[in-house]
Amino acid sequence: MAALRPSILHSRMRSSLLAHLAGQARALSLPSFDYKRIRDNAHQLLDNAIKRNVKDAQPHKVGRLYDKFCSLTTAIVQDRHALNMASAKLAKGKHNGLGAEEVAIVRAHARACKAAIQTTEASLAGVQAAMEHEASLIPNTSHPDAPVGDESHAHTVRIHGLLHTIDRVPEDGIDITRLSNLPFADHLVLAERLGLVDMAAGASVAGSRFHYWRGAGALLELAL
Protein backbone atom coordinates (compact mmCIF):
# COMPACT_ATOMS: atom_id res chain seq x y z
CA MET A 1 0.00 0.00 0.00
CA ALA A 2 1.46 3.36 -1.04
CA ALA A 3 2.17 5.85 1.71
CA LEU A 4 0.09 9.01 1.76
CA ARG A 5 1.89 12.23 1.01
CA PRO A 6 2.21 14.55 4.05
CA SER A 7 0.04 17.24 2.39
CA ILE A 8 -2.78 14.74 1.75
CA LEU A 9 -2.44 13.30 5.25
CA HIS A 10 -2.58 16.75 6.84
CA SER A 11 -5.57 17.68 4.70
CA ARG A 12 -7.47 14.57 5.76
CA MET A 13 -6.56 15.09 9.40
CA ARG A 14 -7.75 18.68 9.20
CA SER A 15 -11.03 17.66 7.56
CA SER A 16 -11.57 15.01 10.21
CA LEU A 17 -10.86 17.52 12.97
CA LEU A 18 -13.23 20.11 11.49
CA ALA A 19 -15.96 17.49 11.16
CA HIS A 20 -15.43 16.46 14.78
CA LEU A 21 -15.59 20.07 16.00
CA ALA A 22 -18.72 20.70 13.93
CA GLY A 23 -20.34 17.66 15.53
CA GLN A 24 -19.45 18.94 18.97
CA ALA A 25 -20.90 22.36 18.14
CA ARG A 26 -24.18 20.77 17.06
CA ALA A 27 -24.25 18.72 20.24
CA LEU A 28 -24.02 21.84 22.42
CA SER A 29 -27.41 22.74 23.85
CA LEU A 30 -28.88 26.15 23.17
CA PRO A 31 -29.22 28.57 26.09
CA SER A 32 -32.42 28.16 28.05
CA PHE A 33 -34.21 31.17 29.55
CA ASP A 34 -37.24 31.41 31.81
CA TYR A 35 -39.10 33.99 29.74
CA LYS A 36 -42.17 33.97 31.97
CA ARG A 37 -40.01 34.78 34.98
CA ILE A 38 -38.30 37.59 33.05
CA ARG A 39 -41.67 39.05 32.07
CA ASP A 40 -43.11 38.80 35.57
CA ASN A 41 -39.99 40.26 37.25
CA ALA A 42 -38.95 42.81 34.63
CA HIS A 43 -38.76 45.73 37.09
CA GLN A 44 -36.45 43.87 39.48
CA LEU A 45 -34.26 42.58 36.65
CA LEU A 46 -33.93 46.07 35.17
CA ASP A 47 -32.97 47.49 38.57
CA ASN A 48 -30.38 44.72 38.97
CA ALA A 49 -28.95 45.47 35.50
CA ILE A 50 -28.64 49.19 36.32
CA LYS A 51 -26.84 48.38 39.57
CA ARG A 52 -24.45 46.12 37.64
CA ASN A 53 -23.87 48.88 35.06
CA VAL A 54 -25.37 46.81 32.23
CA LYS A 55 -26.95 49.40 29.95
CA ASP A 56 -28.30 47.28 27.09
CA ALA A 57 -30.54 44.92 29.10
CA GLN A 58 -34.25 45.31 28.31
CA PRO A 59 -36.27 42.78 30.34
CA HIS A 60 -39.54 44.60 29.57
CA LYS A 61 -38.89 44.09 25.85
CA VAL A 62 -38.30 40.39 26.50
CA GLY A 63 -41.68 40.28 28.24
CA ARG A 64 -43.44 41.85 25.26
CA LEU A 65 -41.70 39.45 22.87
CA TYR A 66 -42.71 36.53 25.07
CA ASP A 67 -46.37 37.58 24.97
CA LYS A 68 -46.16 37.82 21.18
CA PHE A 69 -44.42 34.43 21.06
CA CYS A 70 -47.24 32.85 23.07
CA SER A 71 -49.87 34.48 20.85
CA LEU A 72 -48.23 33.24 17.64
CA THR A 73 -47.80 29.75 19.09
CA THR A 74 -51.49 29.63 19.97
CA ALA A 75 -52.42 30.77 16.45
CA ILE A 76 -50.31 28.00 14.91
CA VAL A 77 -51.94 25.36 17.13
CA GLN A 78 -55.39 26.60 16.16
CA ASP A 79 -54.58 26.64 12.44
CA ARG A 80 -53.11 23.15 12.61
CA HIS A 81 -56.24 21.93 14.35
CA ALA A 82 -58.38 23.49 11.63
CA LEU A 83 -56.19 21.92 8.95
CA ASN A 84 -56.52 18.49 10.56
CA MET A 85 -60.29 18.88 10.74
CA ALA A 86 -60.43 19.85 7.06
CA SER A 87 -58.26 16.87 6.09
CA ALA A 88 -60.43 14.52 8.11
CA LYS A 89 -63.57 15.96 6.50
CA LEU A 90 -62.13 15.42 3.01
CA ALA A 91 -61.17 11.85 3.86
CA LYS A 92 -64.64 11.06 5.16
CA GLY A 93 -66.23 12.86 2.22
CA LYS A 94 -64.95 10.24 -0.20
CA HIS A 95 -67.12 7.66 1.54
CA ASN A 96 -70.04 9.90 2.53
CA GLY A 97 -70.68 11.39 -0.90
CA LEU A 98 -69.45 14.93 -0.18
CA GLY A 99 -70.50 17.26 -3.00
CA ALA A 100 -67.96 18.76 -5.41
CA GLU A 101 -68.79 22.29 -4.32
CA GLU A 102 -68.34 21.48 -0.66
CA VAL A 103 -65.10 19.63 -1.39
CA ALA A 104 -63.78 22.74 -3.15
CA ILE A 105 -64.70 24.90 -0.15
CA VAL A 106 -62.98 22.55 2.31
CA ARG A 107 -59.86 22.33 0.15
CA ALA A 108 -59.68 26.13 -0.12
CA HIS A 109 -59.99 26.33 3.65
CA ALA A 110 -57.17 23.77 4.06
CA ARG A 111 -54.92 25.75 1.70
CA ALA A 112 -55.63 28.92 3.66
CA CYS A 113 -54.72 27.14 6.89
CA LYS A 114 -51.44 25.91 5.42
CA ALA A 115 -50.54 29.40 4.20
CA ALA A 116 -51.41 30.91 7.58
CA ILE A 117 -49.25 28.35 9.38
CA GLN A 118 -46.26 29.07 7.13
CA THR A 119 -46.61 32.84 7.60
CA THR A 120 -47.03 32.57 11.36
CA GLU A 121 -44.10 30.16 11.71
CA ALA A 122 -41.86 32.63 9.87
CA SER A 123 -42.95 35.41 12.24
CA LEU A 124 -42.50 33.09 15.21
CA ALA A 125 -38.90 32.31 14.23
CA GLY A 126 -38.07 36.01 14.10
CA VAL A 127 -39.71 36.70 17.45
CA GLN A 128 -37.94 33.75 19.06
CA ALA A 129 -34.54 34.86 17.76
CA ALA A 130 -35.09 38.40 19.03
CA MET A 131 -36.35 37.10 22.37
CA GLU A 132 -33.30 34.87 22.87
CA HIS A 133 -30.94 37.71 21.93
CA GLU A 134 -32.53 40.20 24.32
CA ALA A 135 -32.68 37.64 27.14
CA SER A 136 -28.96 36.90 26.73
CA LEU A 137 -28.20 40.57 27.52
CA ILE A 138 -29.81 40.39 30.96
CA PRO A 139 -27.17 39.80 33.67
CA ASN A 140 -27.53 37.24 36.42
CA THR A 141 -29.24 38.48 39.55
CA SER A 142 -26.74 39.66 42.14
CA HIS A 143 -26.84 38.37 45.70
CA PRO A 144 -28.90 40.68 47.96
CA ASP A 145 -25.86 41.23 50.19
CA ALA A 146 -23.58 42.21 47.28
CA PRO A 147 -22.56 45.88 47.63
CA VAL A 148 -23.57 48.24 44.84
CA GLY A 149 -20.80 50.23 43.17
CA ASP A 150 -17.17 49.82 42.19
CA GLU A 151 -14.41 47.99 44.07
CA SER A 152 -14.23 50.74 46.69
CA HIS A 153 -17.57 49.49 48.04
CA ALA A 154 -16.36 45.89 48.39
CA HIS A 155 -15.72 44.40 51.80
CA THR A 156 -14.06 41.26 53.09
CA VAL A 157 -16.60 38.52 53.80
CA ARG A 158 -14.18 35.94 55.16
CA ILE A 159 -10.54 34.92 54.88
CA HIS A 160 -9.65 31.34 54.01
CA GLY A 161 -6.12 30.16 54.80
CA LEU A 162 -3.10 32.44 55.10
CA LEU A 163 -2.63 35.63 53.11
CA HIS A 164 0.65 36.72 51.60
CA THR A 165 2.41 39.71 53.02
CA ILE A 166 0.88 42.77 51.40
CA ASP A 167 1.97 46.39 51.16
CA ARG A 168 -1.47 47.94 51.67
CA VAL A 169 -3.90 46.88 54.38
CA PRO A 170 -7.55 46.94 53.23
CA GLU A 171 -9.68 49.73 54.63
CA ASP A 172 -11.88 47.29 56.52
CA GLY A 173 -8.82 45.90 58.30
CA ILE A 174 -7.04 42.55 58.23
CA ASP A 175 -5.91 39.99 60.77
CA ILE A 176 -2.10 40.25 60.64
CA THR A 177 -1.82 36.79 62.21
CA ARG A 178 -3.06 35.42 58.89
CA LEU A 179 -0.14 36.85 56.87
CA SER A 180 2.16 34.29 55.27
CA ASN A 181 5.89 34.39 54.57
CA LEU A 182 5.52 32.24 51.44
CA PRO A 183 6.70 33.85 48.20
CA PHE A 184 3.99 35.54 46.14
CA ALA A 185 2.64 33.53 43.18
CA ASP A 186 0.49 35.02 40.40
CA HIS A 187 -2.53 33.32 38.82
CA LEU A 188 -0.46 31.60 36.12
CA VAL A 189 1.97 30.04 38.59
CA LEU A 190 -0.89 28.90 40.82
CA ALA A 191 -2.87 27.46 37.89
CA GLU A 192 0.11 25.46 36.62
CA ARG A 193 1.02 24.32 40.13
CA LEU A 194 -2.54 23.06 40.70
CA GLY A 195 -2.71 21.39 37.27
CA LEU A 196 -5.53 23.62 36.05
CA VAL A 197 -3.97 24.62 32.71
CA ASP A 198 -1.59 23.26 30.09
CA MET A 199 0.23 26.24 28.56
CA ALA A 200 2.65 24.18 26.45
CA ALA A 201 -0.09 22.21 24.67
CA GLY A 202 -2.12 25.35 24.02
CA ALA A 203 0.88 27.21 22.60
CA SER A 204 1.81 24.30 20.33
CA VAL A 205 -1.68 24.23 18.80
CA ALA A 206 -2.81 27.86 18.73
CA GLY A 207 0.31 29.88 19.46
CA SER A 208 1.47 31.89 22.43
CA ARG A 209 -1.01 33.19 25.02
CA PHE A 210 -3.31 30.21 24.48
CA HIS A 211 -3.85 27.35 26.87
CA TYR A 212 -5.89 24.23 27.55
CA TRP A 213 -7.96 23.94 30.69
CA ARG A 214 -7.37 20.73 32.64
CA GLY A 215 -9.09 18.90 35.49
CA ALA A 216 -10.72 21.25 37.96
CA GLY A 217 -9.84 24.19 35.73
CA ALA A 218 -11.94 22.75 32.89
CA LEU A 219 -14.85 22.08 35.27
CA LEU A 220 -14.65 25.64 36.61
CA GLU A 221 -14.62 27.08 33.08
CA LEU A 222 -17.71 25.04 32.14
CA ALA A 223 -19.46 26.07 35.34
CA LEU A 224 -18.89 29.74 34.56
C-alpha atoms as a PDB file:
ATOM      1  CA  MET A   1       0.000   0.000   0.000  1.00  0.00           C
ATOM      2  CA  ALA A   2       1.458   3.361  -1.038  1.00  0.00           C
ATOM      3  CA  ALA A   3       2.171   5.849   1.705  1.00  0.00           C
ATOM      4  CA  LEU A   4       0.093   9.014   1.762  1.00  0.00           C
ATOM      5  CA  ARG A   5       1.888  12.234   1.010  1.00  0.00           C
ATOM      6  CA  PRO A   6       2.209  14.554   4.046  1.00  0.00           C
ATOM      7  CA  SER A   7       0.042  17.236   2.395  1.00  0.00           C
ATOM      8  CA  ILE A   8      -2.781  14.736   1.753  1.00  0.00           C
ATOM      9  CA  LEU A   9      -2.442  13.299   5.251  1.00  0.00           C
ATOM     10  CA  HIS A  10      -2.584  16.754   6.842  1.00  0.00           C
ATOM     11  CA  SER A  11      -5.571  17.683   4.700  1.00  0.00           C
ATOM     12  CA  ARG A  12      -7.468  14.569   5.761  1.00  0.00           C
ATOM     13  CA  MET A  13      -6.563  15.092   9.399  1.00  0.00           C
ATOM     14  CA  ARG A  14      -7.750  18.683   9.200  1.00  0.00           C
ATOM     15  CA  SER A  15     -11.031  17.658   7.557  1.00  0.00           C
ATOM     16  CA  SER A  16     -11.574  15.006  10.210  1.00  0.00           C
ATOM     17  CA  LEU A  17     -10.855  17.522  12.973  1.00  0.00           C
ATOM     18  CA  LEU A  18     -13.229  20.108  11.488  1.00  0.00           C
ATOM     19  CA  ALA A  19     -15.962  17.487  11.160  1.00  0.00           C
ATOM     20  CA  HIS A  20     -15.428  16.464  14.780  1.00  0.00           C
ATOM     21  CA  LEU A  21     -15.588  20.071  15.995  1.00  0.00           C
ATOM     22  CA  ALA A  22     -18.721  20.696  13.935  1.00  0.00           C
ATOM     23  CA  GLY A  23     -20.340  17.661  15.525  1.00  0.00           C
ATOM     24  CA  GLN A  24     -19.452  18.938  18.969  1.00  0.00           C
ATOM     25  CA  ALA A  25     -20.902  22.356  18.145  1.00  0.00           C
ATOM     26  CA  ARG A  26     -24.180  20.767  17.059  1.00  0.00           C
ATOM     27  CA  ALA A  27     -24.248  18.720  20.241  1.00  0.00           C
ATOM     28  CA  LEU A  28     -24.023  21.839  22.424  1.00  0.00           C
ATOM     29  CA  SER A  29     -27.411  22.741  23.850  1.00  0.00           C
ATOM     30  CA  LEU A  30     -28.882  26.147  23.166  1.00  0.00           C
ATOM     31  CA  PRO A  31     -29.221  28.571  26.086  1.00  0.00           C
ATOM     32  CA  SER A  32     -32.423  28.159  28.054  1.00  0.00           C
ATOM     33  CA  PHE A  33     -34.213  31.167  29.548  1.00  0.00           C
ATOM     34  CA  ASP A  34     -37.245  31.411  31.813  1.00  0.00           C
ATOM     35  CA  TYR A  35     -39.098  33.993  29.740  1.00  0.00           C
ATOM     36  CA  LYS A  36     -42.169  33.974  31.972  1.00  0.00           C
ATOM     37  CA  ARG A  37     -40.010  34.783  34.983  1.00  0.00           C
ATOM     38  CA  ILE A  38     -38.302  37.586  33.052  1.00  0.00           C
ATOM     39  CA  ARG A  39     -41.668  39.045  32.066  1.00  0.00           C
ATOM     40  CA  ASP A  40     -43.109  38.797  35.574  1.00  0.00           C
ATOM     41  CA  ASN A  41     -39.990  40.263  37.254  1.00  0.00           C
ATOM     42  CA  ALA A  42     -38.955  42.814  34.630  1.00  0.00           C
ATOM     43  CA  HIS A  43     -38.758  45.729  37.091  1.00  0.00           C
ATOM     44  CA  GLN A  44     -36.448  43.874  39.484  1.00  0.00           C
ATOM     45  CA  LEU A  45     -34.255  42.582  36.646  1.00  0.00           C
ATOM     46  CA  LEU A  46     -33.931  46.068  35.167  1.00  0.00           C
ATOM     47  CA  ASP A  47     -32.974  47.487  38.567  1.00  0.00           C
ATOM     48  CA  ASN A  48     -30.375  44.719  38.970  1.00  0.00           C
ATOM     49  CA  ALA A  49     -28.955  45.472  35.501  1.00  0.00           C
ATOM     50  CA  ILE A  50     -28.640  49.188  36.319  1.00  0.00           C
ATOM     51  CA  LYS A  51     -26.845  48.377  39.572  1.00  0.00           C
ATOM     52  CA  ARG A  52     -24.450  46.125  37.639  1.00  0.00           C
ATOM     53  CA  ASN A  53     -23.872  48.881  35.063  1.00  0.00           C
ATOM     54  CA  VAL A  54     -25.366  46.806  32.229  1.00  0.00           C
ATOM     55  CA  LYS A  55     -26.948  49.395  29.954  1.00  0.00           C
ATOM     56  CA  ASP A  56     -28.301  47.278  27.087  1.00  0.00           C
ATOM     57  CA  ALA A  57     -30.537  44.915  29.100  1.00  0.00           C
ATOM     58  CA  GLN A  58     -34.255  45.307  28.306  1.00  0.00           C
ATOM     59  CA  PRO A  59     -36.274  42.778  30.339  1.00  0.00           C
ATOM     60  CA  HIS A  60     -39.544  44.604  29.567  1.00  0.00           C
ATOM     61  CA  LYS A  61     -38.889  44.091  25.846  1.00  0.00           C
ATOM     62  CA  VAL A  62     -38.304  40.390  26.503  1.00  0.00           C
ATOM     63  CA  GLY A  63     -41.684  40.280  28.244  1.00  0.00           C
ATOM     64  CA  ARG A  64     -43.442  41.849  25.256  1.00  0.00           C
ATOM     65  CA  LEU A  65     -41.702  39.454  22.872  1.00  0.00           C
ATOM     66  CA  TYR A  66     -42.706  36.528  25.069  1.00  0.00           C
ATOM     67  CA  ASP A  67     -46.365  37.575  24.970  1.00  0.00           C
ATOM     68  CA  LYS A  68     -46.163  37.818  21.183  1.00  0.00           C
ATOM     69  CA  PHE A  69     -44.416  34.429  21.059  1.00  0.00           C
ATOM     70  CA  CYS A  70     -47.240  32.849  23.065  1.00  0.00           C
ATOM     71  CA  SER A  71     -49.872  34.482  20.855  1.00  0.00           C
ATOM     72  CA  LEU A  72     -48.234  33.244  17.643  1.00  0.00           C
ATOM     73  CA  THR A  73     -47.798  29.753  19.088  1.00  0.00           C
ATOM     74  CA  THR A  74     -51.487  29.629  19.967  1.00  0.00           C
ATOM     75  CA  ALA A  75     -52.420  30.773  16.453  1.00  0.00           C
ATOM     76  CA  ILE A  76     -50.312  27.996  14.913  1.00  0.00           C
ATOM     77  CA  VAL A  77     -51.943  25.365  17.131  1.00  0.00           C
ATOM     78  CA  GLN A  78     -55.394  26.600  16.159  1.00  0.00           C
ATOM     79  CA  ASP A  79     -54.577  26.641  12.442  1.00  0.00           C
ATOM     80  CA  ARG A  80     -53.114  23.147  12.608  1.00  0.00           C
ATOM     81  CA  HIS A  81     -56.241  21.925  14.346  1.00  0.00           C
ATOM     82  CA  ALA A  82     -58.384  23.494  11.633  1.00  0.00           C
ATOM     83  CA  LEU A  83     -56.189  21.923   8.953  1.00  0.00           C
ATOM     84  CA  ASN A  84     -56.517  18.493  10.560  1.00  0.00           C
ATOM     85  CA  MET A  85     -60.289  18.884  10.740  1.00  0.00           C
ATOM     86  CA  ALA A  86     -60.428  19.851   7.060  1.00  0.00           C
ATOM     87  CA  SER A  87     -58.255  16.871   6.086  1.00  0.00           C
ATOM     88  CA  ALA A  88     -60.433  14.521   8.113  1.00  0.00           C
ATOM     89  CA  LYS A  89     -63.570  15.959   6.495  1.00  0.00           C
ATOM     90  CA  LEU A  90     -62.133  15.420   3.007  1.00  0.00           C
ATOM     91  CA  ALA A  91     -61.166  11.852   3.857  1.00  0.00           C
ATOM     92  CA  LYS A  92     -64.635  11.062   5.161  1.00  0.00           C
ATOM     93  CA  GLY A  93     -66.231  12.863   2.221  1.00  0.00           C
ATOM     94  CA  LYS A  94     -64.951  10.244  -0.195  1.00  0.00           C
ATOM     95  CA  HIS A  95     -67.117   7.665   1.541  1.00  0.00           C
ATOM     96  CA  ASN A  96     -70.039   9.901   2.526  1.00  0.00           C
ATOM     97  CA  GLY A  97     -70.682  11.392  -0.900  1.00  0.00           C
ATOM     98  CA  LEU A  98     -69.450  14.931  -0.183  1.00  0.00           C
ATOM     99  CA  GLY A  99     -70.502  17.256  -2.996  1.00  0.00           C
ATOM    100  CA  ALA A 100     -67.960  18.755  -5.413  1.00  0.00           C
ATOM    101  CA  GLU A 101     -68.793  22.295  -4.321  1.00  0.00           C
ATOM    102  CA  GLU A 102     -68.340  21.479  -0.657  1.00  0.00           C
ATOM    103  CA  VAL A 103     -65.096  19.633  -1.390  1.00  0.00           C
ATOM    104  CA  ALA A 104     -63.777  22.735  -3.146  1.00  0.00           C
ATOM    105  CA  ILE A 105     -64.704  24.896  -0.150  1.00  0.00           C
ATOM    106  CA  VAL A 106     -62.980  22.548   2.310  1.00  0.00           C
ATOM    107  CA  ARG A 107     -59.861  22.333   0.148  1.00  0.00           C
ATOM    108  CA  ALA A 108     -59.684  26.128  -0.125  1.00  0.00           C
ATOM    109  CA  HIS A 109     -59.986  26.333   3.652  1.00  0.00           C
ATOM    110  CA  ALA A 110     -57.173  23.773   4.056  1.00  0.00           C
ATOM    111  CA  ARG A 111     -54.916  25.746   1.697  1.00  0.00           C
ATOM    112  CA  ALA A 112     -55.633  28.919   3.661  1.00  0.00           C
ATOM    113  CA  CYS A 113     -54.725  27.136   6.894  1.00  0.00           C
ATOM    114  CA  LYS A 114     -51.437  25.912   5.415  1.00  0.00           C
ATOM    115  CA  ALA A 115     -50.544  29.404   4.196  1.00  0.00           C
ATOM    116  CA  ALA A 116     -51.409  30.913   7.578  1.00  0.00           C
ATOM    117  CA  ILE A 117     -49.253  28.346   9.381  1.00  0.00           C
ATOM    118  CA  GLN A 118     -46.259  29.069   7.132  1.00  0.00           C
ATOM    119  CA  THR A 119     -46.608  32.841   7.596  1.00  0.00           C
ATOM    120  CA  THR A 120     -47.034  32.571  11.356  1.00  0.00           C
ATOM    121  CA  GLU A 121     -44.101  30.164  11.714  1.00  0.00           C
ATOM    122  CA  ALA A 122     -41.858  32.633   9.873  1.00  0.00           C
ATOM    123  CA  SER A 123     -42.953  35.405  12.243  1.00  0.00           C
ATOM    124  CA  LEU A 124     -42.495  33.090  15.214  1.00  0.00           C
ATOM    125  CA  ALA A 125     -38.901  32.307  14.227  1.00  0.00           C
ATOM    126  CA  GLY A 126     -38.067  36.013  14.105  1.00  0.00           C
ATOM    127  CA  VAL A 127     -39.708  36.704  17.452  1.00  0.00           C
ATOM    128  CA  GLN A 128     -37.935  33.750  19.065  1.00  0.00           C
ATOM    129  CA  ALA A 129     -34.536  34.864  17.755  1.00  0.00           C
ATOM    130  CA  ALA A 130     -35.087  38.402  19.025  1.00  0.00           C
ATOM    131  CA  MET A 131     -36.347  37.102  22.370  1.00  0.00           C
ATOM    132  CA  GLU A 132     -33.298  34.870  22.871  1.00  0.00           C
ATOM    133  CA  HIS A 133     -30.937  37.708  21.929  1.00  0.00           C
ATOM    134  CA  GLU A 134     -32.533  40.195  24.322  1.00  0.00           C
ATOM    135  CA  ALA A 135     -32.678  37.645  27.145  1.00  0.00           C
ATOM    136  CA  SER A 136     -28.964  36.903  26.733  1.00  0.00           C
ATOM    137  CA  LEU A 137     -28.204  40.565  27.518  1.00  0.00           C
ATOM    138  CA  ILE A 138     -29.815  40.391  30.963  1.00  0.00           C
ATOM    139  CA  PRO A 139     -27.170  39.804  33.667  1.00  0.00           C
ATOM    140  CA  ASN A 140     -27.527  37.244  36.423  1.00  0.00           C
ATOM    141  CA  THR A 141     -29.242  38.484  39.552  1.00  0.00           C
ATOM    142  CA  SER A 142     -26.743  39.659  42.142  1.00  0.00           C
ATOM    143  CA  HIS A 143     -26.843  38.370  45.695  1.00  0.00           C
ATOM    144  CA  PRO A 144     -28.903  40.679  47.960  1.00  0.00           C
ATOM    145  CA  ASP A 145     -25.863  41.235  50.190  1.00  0.00           C
ATOM    146  CA  ALA A 146     -23.578  42.208  47.282  1.00  0.00           C
ATOM    147  CA  PRO A 147     -22.560  45.882  47.632  1.00  0.00           C
ATOM    148  CA  VAL A 148     -23.569  48.240  44.843  1.00  0.00           C
ATOM    149  CA  GLY A 149     -20.802  50.228  43.173  1.00  0.00           C
ATOM    150  CA  ASP A 150     -17.168  49.824  42.190  1.00  0.00           C
ATOM    151  CA  GLU A 151     -14.415  47.992  44.072  1.00  0.00           C
ATOM    152  CA  SER A 152     -14.233  50.740  46.691  1.00  0.00           C
ATOM    153  CA  HIS A 153     -17.571  49.487  48.040  1.00  0.00           C
ATOM    154  CA  ALA A 154     -16.356  45.887  48.388  1.00  0.00           C
ATOM    155  CA  HIS A 155     -15.723  44.400  51.801  1.00  0.00           C
ATOM    156  CA  THR A 156     -14.056  41.257  53.089  1.00  0.00           C
ATOM    157  CA  VAL A 157     -16.598  38.524  53.799  1.00  0.00           C
ATOM    158  CA  ARG A 158     -14.181  35.941  55.158  1.00  0.00           C
ATOM    159  CA  ILE A 159     -10.536  34.920  54.882  1.00  0.00           C
ATOM    160  CA  HIS A 160      -9.650  31.340  54.013  1.00  0.00           C
ATOM    161  CA  GLY A 161      -6.124  30.155  54.797  1.00  0.00           C
ATOM    162  CA  LEU A 162      -3.096  32.443  55.103  1.00  0.00           C
ATOM    163  CA  LEU A 163      -2.634  35.626  53.111  1.00  0.00           C
ATOM    164  CA  HIS A 164       0.645  36.723  51.598  1.00  0.00           C
ATOM    165  CA  THR A 165       2.415  39.712  53.024  1.00  0.00           C
ATOM    166  CA  ILE A 166       0.877  42.775  51.402  1.00  0.00           C
ATOM    167  CA  ASP A 167       1.968  46.388  51.164  1.00  0.00           C
ATOM    168  CA  ARG A 168      -1.468  47.937  51.673  1.00  0.00           C
ATOM    169  CA  VAL A 169      -3.897  46.877  54.381  1.00  0.00           C
ATOM    170  CA  PRO A 170      -7.547  46.943  53.225  1.00  0.00           C
ATOM    171  CA  GLU A 171      -9.681  49.732  54.629  1.00  0.00           C
ATOM    172  CA  ASP A 172     -11.883  47.288  56.523  1.00  0.00           C
ATOM    173  CA  GLY A 173      -8.820  45.897  58.295  1.00  0.00           C
ATOM    174  CA  ILE A 174      -7.038  42.551  58.234  1.00  0.00           C
ATOM    175  CA  ASP A 175      -5.909  39.991  60.768  1.00  0.00           C
ATOM    176  CA  ILE A 176      -2.100  40.246  60.643  1.00  0.00           C
ATOM    177  CA  THR A 177      -1.816  36.788  62.212  1.00  0.00           C
ATOM    178  CA  ARG A 178      -3.057  35.422  58.887  1.00  0.00           C
ATOM    179  CA  LEU A 179      -0.140  36.851  56.870  1.00  0.00           C
ATOM    180  CA  SER A 180       2.159  34.289  55.271  1.00  0.00           C
ATOM    181  CA  ASN A 181       5.892  34.388  54.567  1.00  0.00           C
ATOM    182  CA  LEU A 182       5.522  32.237  51.442  1.00  0.00           C
ATOM    183  CA  PRO A 183       6.697  33.849  48.196  1.00  0.00           C
ATOM    184  CA  PHE A 184       3.992  35.540  46.144  1.00  0.00           C
ATOM    185  CA  ALA A 185       2.636  33.526  43.175  1.00  0.00           C
ATOM    186  CA  ASP A 186       0.489  35.019  40.403  1.00  0.00           C
ATOM    187  CA  HIS A 187      -2.533  33.319  38.819  1.00  0.00           C
ATOM    188  CA  LEU A 188      -0.459  31.596  36.120  1.00  0.00           C
ATOM    189  CA  VAL A 189       1.972  30.038  38.589  1.00  0.00           C
ATOM    190  CA  LEU A 190      -0.891  28.899  40.818  1.00  0.00           C
ATOM    191  CA  ALA A 191      -2.868  27.459  37.886  1.00  0.00           C
ATOM    192  CA  GLU A 192       0.106  25.460  36.623  1.00  0.00           C
ATOM    193  CA  ARG A 193       1.021  24.317  40.126  1.00  0.00           C
ATOM    194  CA  LEU A 194      -2.543  23.060  40.699  1.00  0.00           C
ATOM    195  CA  GLY A 195      -2.709  21.391  37.269  1.00  0.00           C
ATOM    196  CA  LEU A 196      -5.532  23.624  36.052  1.00  0.00           C
ATOM    197  CA  VAL A 197      -3.972  24.623  32.708  1.00  0.00           C
ATOM    198  CA  ASP A 198      -1.592  23.255  30.091  1.00  0.00           C
ATOM    199  CA  MET A 199       0.225  26.237  28.560  1.00  0.00           C
ATOM    200  CA  ALA A 200       2.648  24.179  26.448  1.00  0.00           C
ATOM    201  CA  ALA A 201      -0.085  22.208  24.667  1.00  0.00           C
ATOM    202  CA  GLY A 202      -2.116  25.354  24.019  1.00  0.00           C
ATOM    203  CA  ALA A 203       0.877  27.206  22.595  1.00  0.00           C
ATOM    204  CA  SER A 204       1.814  24.303  20.328  1.00  0.00           C
ATOM    205  CA  VAL A 205      -1.678  24.225  18.798  1.00  0.00           C
ATOM    206  CA  ALA A 206      -2.810  27.863  18.730  1.00  0.00           C
ATOM    207  CA  GLY A 207       0.309  29.884  19.461  1.00  0.00           C
ATOM    208  CA  SER A 208       1.472  31.889  22.431  1.00  0.00           C
ATOM    209  CA  ARG A 209      -1.007  33.194  25.022  1.00  0.00           C
ATOM    210  CA  PHE A 210      -3.309  30.210  24.485  1.00  0.00           C
ATOM    211  CA  HIS A 211      -3.847  27.347  26.875  1.00  0.00           C
ATOM    212  CA  TYR A 212      -5.886  24.232  27.555  1.00  0.00           C
ATOM    213  CA  TRP A 213      -7.965  23.937  30.693  1.00  0.00           C
ATOM    214  CA  ARG A 214      -7.370  20.734  32.642  1.00  0.00           C
ATOM    215  CA  GLY A 215      -9.091  18.904  35.493  1.00  0.00           C
ATOM    216  CA  ALA A 216     -10.722  21.247  37.961  1.00  0.00           C
ATOM    217  CA  GLY A 217      -9.842  24.191  35.726  1.00  0.00           C
ATOM    218  CA  ALA A 218     -11.943  22.753  32.895  1.00  0.00           C
ATOM    219  CA  LEU A 219     -14.845  22.082  35.272  1.00  0.00           C
ATOM    220  CA  LEU A 220     -14.647  25.635  36.606  1.00  0.00           C
ATOM    221  CA  GLU A 221     -14.621  27.082  33.080  1.00  0.00           C
ATOM    222  CA  LEU A 222     -17.712  25.037  32.143  1.00  0.00           C
ATOM    223  CA  ALA A 223     -19.458  26.070  35.338  1.00  0.00           C
ATOM    224  CA  LEU A 224     -18.888  29.742  34.559  1.00  0.00           C
END
